[in-house]
Amino acid sequence: EKAEENQKRWEGLVEQDPNLVMIHTDGEIQFINPAGAQMMGAANPKEVVGKSAYNFFHETEYQKRREANISGNVKGTSSPTIRKVFGLDKNERFVQIESVPIRYYG
């Protein structure tokens, strides 16, 4: 019960964050806040959840992100980096990415 209460509080907080906040498991997007969905060219988070996070990267960035996530999972937090991504609208944009391993629903 307390864990569920904490989860609702956390989601309420990040849903108001003007920065892109995304949680993925092995690349599959589990959660993205409304600001993040908008940054990715989506009308709402439902359009992004369930998709591969790697599909938003240019092919040259795809492998770099996968490797960074693998090494980040081993080492912990990654350093912030700027990467080129493509939104659902296919428009190019640059985002700052920092990976932090967390336990999400388990």
C-alpha atoms as a PDB file:
ATOM      1  CA  GLU A   1       0.000   0.000   0.000  1.00  0.00           C
ATOM      2  CA  LYS A   2       2.804   2.402   0.911  1.00  0.00           C
ATOM      3  CA  ALA A   3       4.726   1.478  -2.257  1.00  0.00           C
ATOM      4  CA  GLU A   4       1.644   2.226  -4.367  1.00  0.00           C
ATOM      5  CA  GLU A   5       1.232   5.574  -2.610  1.00  0.00           C
ATOM      6  CA  ASN A   6       4.885   6.425  -3.290  1.00  0.00           C
ATOM      7  CA  GLN A   7       4.476   5.414  -6.943  1.00  0.00           C
ATOM      8  CA  LYS A   8       1.486   7.741  -7.381  1.00  0.00           C
ATOM      9  CA  ARG A   9       3.372  10.582  -5.725  1.00  0.00           C
ATOM     10  CA  TRP A  10       6.412  10.011  -7.938  1.00  0.00           C
ATOM     11  CA  GLU A  11       4.340   9.857 -11.135  1.00  0.00           C
ATOM     12  CA  GLY A  12       2.479  13.024 -10.144  1.00  0.00           C
ATOM     13  CA  LEU A  13       5.801  14.795  -9.710  1.00  0.00           C
ATOM     14  CA  VAL A  14       7.424  13.726 -12.985  1.00  0.00           C
ATOM     15  CA  GLU A  15       4.246  14.291 -14.983  1.00  0.00           C
ATOM     16  CA  GLN A  16       4.623  17.986 -14.124  1.00  0.00           C
ATOM     17  CA  ASP A  17       8.348  18.087 -14.951  1.00  0.00           C
ATOM     18  CA  PRO A  18       9.025  20.213 -18.060  1.00  0.00           C
ATOM     19  CA  ASN A  19      11.976  17.934 -18.946  1.00  0.00           C
ATOM     20  CA  LEU A  20      11.741  14.659 -20.808  1.00  0.00           C
ATOM     21  CA  VAL A  21      11.537  11.832 -18.264  1.00  0.00           C
ATOM     22  CA  MET A  22      11.448   8.340 -19.732  1.00  0.00           C
ATOM     23  CA  ILE A  23      11.749   4.868 -18.265  1.00  0.00           C
ATOM     24  CA  HIS A  24      12.603   1.951 -20.508  1.00  0.00           C
ATOM     25  CA  THR A  25      13.320  -1.710 -19.964  1.00  0.00           C
ATOM     26  CA  ASP A  26      15.827  -3.115 -22.454  1.00  0.00           C
ATOM     27  CA  GLY A  27      14.867  -0.305 -24.813  1.00  0.00           C
ATOM     28  CA  GLU A  28      11.075  -0.689 -24.588  1.00  0.00           C
ATOM     29  CA  ILE A  29       9.513   2.515 -23.279  1.00  0.00           C
ATOM     30  CA  GLN A  30       7.508   1.806 -20.122  1.00  0.00           C
ATOM     31  CA  PHE A  31       6.814   5.409 -19.107  1.00  0.00           C
ATOM     32  CA  ILE A  32       7.260   8.886 -20.568  1.00  0.00           C
ATOM     33  CA  ASN A  33       5.933  12.096 -19.087  1.00  0.00           C
ATOM     34  CA  PRO A  34       3.695  14.467 -21.125  1.00  0.00           C
ATOM     35  CA  ALA A  35       6.535  16.961 -21.741  1.00  0.00           C
ATOM     36  CA  GLY A  36       8.724  14.132 -23.007  1.00  0.00           C
ATOM     37  CA  ALA A  37       6.005  12.821 -25.290  1.00  0.00           C
ATOM     38  CA  GLN A  38       5.553  16.291 -26.737  1.00  0.00           C
ATOM     39  CA  MET A  39       9.322  16.615 -27.286  1.00  0.00           C
ATOM     40  CA  MET A  40       9.191  13.347 -29.210  1.00  0.00           C
ATOM     41  CA  GLY A  41       6.467  14.656 -31.517  1.00  0.00           C
ATOM     42  CA  ALA A  42       3.606  12.771 -29.856  1.00  0.00           C
ATOM     43  CA  ALA A  43       0.259  14.189 -28.797  1.00  0.00           C
ATOM     44  CA  ASN A  44       0.339  12.176 -25.562  1.00  0.00           C
ATOM     45  CA  PRO A  45       2.440   9.544 -23.754  1.00  0.00           C
ATOM     46  CA  LYS A  46       0.282   6.648 -25.008  1.00  0.00           C
ATOM     47  CA  GLU A  47       1.655   7.223 -28.522  1.00  0.00           C
ATOM     48  CA  VAL A  48       5.189   6.508 -27.268  1.00  0.00           C
ATOM     49  CA  VAL A  49       4.795   3.873 -24.522  1.00  0.00           C
ATOM     50  CA  GLY A  50       5.555   0.379 -25.815  1.00  0.00           C
ATOM     51  CA  LYS A  51       7.810   1.581 -28.632  1.00  0.00           C
ATOM     52  CA  SER A  52      11.541   0.996 -28.730  1.00  0.00           C
ATOM     53  CA  ALA A  53      13.468   3.983 -27.398  1.00  0.00           C
ATOM     54  CA  TYR A  54      16.185   3.158 -29.914  1.00  0.00           C
ATOM     55  CA  ASN A  55      13.832   3.767 -32.856  1.00  0.00           C
ATOM     56  CA  PHE A  56      14.040   7.486 -32.100  1.00  0.00           C
ATOM     57  CA  PHE A  57      17.793   7.565 -32.732  1.00  0.00           C
ATOM     58  CA  HIS A  58      19.573   7.976 -36.033  1.00  0.00           C
ATOM     59  CA  GLU A  59      21.202   4.700 -37.094  1.00  0.00           C
ATOM     60  CA  THR A  60      24.668   5.995 -36.173  1.00  0.00           C
ATOM     61  CA  GLU A  61      23.445   6.808 -32.655  1.00  0.00           C
ATOM     62  CA  TYR A  62      21.484   3.585 -32.144  1.00  0.00           C
ATOM     63  CA  GLN A  63      24.460   1.379 -31.327  1.00  0.00           C
ATOM     64  CA  LYS A  64      26.079   4.083 -29.175  1.00  0.00           C
ATOM     65  CA  ARG A  65      22.926   4.297 -27.031  1.00  0.00           C
ATOM     66  CA  ARG A  66      22.632   0.538 -26.656  1.00  0.00           C
ATOM     67  CA  GLU A  67      26.266   0.297 -25.588  1.00  0.00           C
ATOM     68  CA  ALA A  68      25.887   3.276 -23.227  1.00  0.00           C
ATOM     69  CA  ASN A  69      22.840   1.674 -21.605  1.00  0.00           C
ATOM     70  CA  ILE A  70      24.646  -1.623 -21.164  1.00  0.00           C
ATOM     71  CA  SER A  71      27.705   0.035 -19.624  1.00  0.00           C
ATOM     72  CA  GLY A  72      25.457   2.361 -17.598  1.00  0.00           C
ATOM     73  CA  ASN A  73      23.632  -0.607 -16.120  1.00  0.00           C
ATOM     74  CA  VAL A  74      26.971  -1.973 -14.972  1.00  0.00           C
ATOM     75  CA  LYS A  75      28.552   1.297 -13.803  1.00  0.00           C
ATOM     76  CA  GLY A  76      25.494   3.255 -12.665  1.00  0.00           C
ATOM     77  CA  THR A  77      24.702   6.800 -13.760  1.00  0.00           C
ATOM     78  CA  SER A  78      26.006   7.964 -17.141  1.00  0.00           C
ATOM     79  CA  SER A  79      27.379  11.405 -17.911  1.00  0.00           C
ATOM     80  CA  PRO A  80      24.956  13.784 -19.647  1.00  0.00           C
ATOM     81  CA  THR A  81      25.385  13.730 -23.430  1.00  0.00           C
ATOM     82  CA  ILE A  82      23.672  15.543 -26.286  1.00  0.00           C
ATOM     83  CA  ARG A  83      22.226  13.233 -28.946  1.00  0.00           C
ATOM     84  CA  LYS A  84      20.308  13.696 -32.175  1.00  0.00           C
ATOM     85  CA  VAL A  85      16.902  12.009 -32.191  1.00  0.00           C
ATOM     86  CA  PHE A  86      13.898  11.894 -34.490  1.00  0.00           C
ATOM     87  CA  GLY A  87      10.373  12.321 -33.189  1.00  0.00           C
ATOM     88  CA  LEU A  88       7.260  10.511 -34.358  1.00  0.00           C
ATOM     89  CA  ASP A  89       6.815  13.447 -36.717  1.00  0.00           C
ATOM     90  CA  LYS A  90      10.252  12.559 -38.230  1.00  0.00           C
ATOM     91  CA  ASN A  91      11.626  15.981 -37.295  1.00  0.00           C
ATOM     92  CA  GLU A  92      15.196  16.036 -36.045  1.00  0.00           C
ATOM     93  CA  ARG A  93      15.904  17.392 -32.575  1.00  0.00           C
ATOM     94  CA  PHE A  94      18.708  17.319 -30.052  1.00  0.00           C
ATOM     95  CA  VAL A  95      18.185  16.097 -26.504  1.00  0.00           C
ATOM     96  CA  GLN A  96      20.401  15.799 -23.461  1.00  0.00           C
ATOM     97  CA  ILE A  97      20.451  12.245 -22.175  1.00  0.00           C
ATOM     98  CA  GLU A  98      21.529  10.981 -18.796  1.00  0.00           C
ATOM     99  CA  SER A  99      20.853   7.388 -17.787  1.00  0.00           C
ATOM    100  CA  VAL A 100      20.155   6.384 -14.214  1.00  0.00           C
ATOM    101  CA  PRO A 101      19.324   2.761 -13.366  1.00  0.00           C
ATOM    102  CA  ILE A 102      16.196   2.426 -11.224  1.00  0.00           C
ATOM    103  CA  ARG A 103      13.856  -0.279 -10.020  1.00  0.00           C
ATOM    104  CA  TYR A 104      10.502   0.256 -11.702  1.00  0.00           C
ATOM    105  CA  TYR A 105       7.557  -1.851 -10.510  1.00  0.00           C
ATOM    106  CA  GLY A 106       9.721  -4.473  -8.937  1.00  0.00           C
END
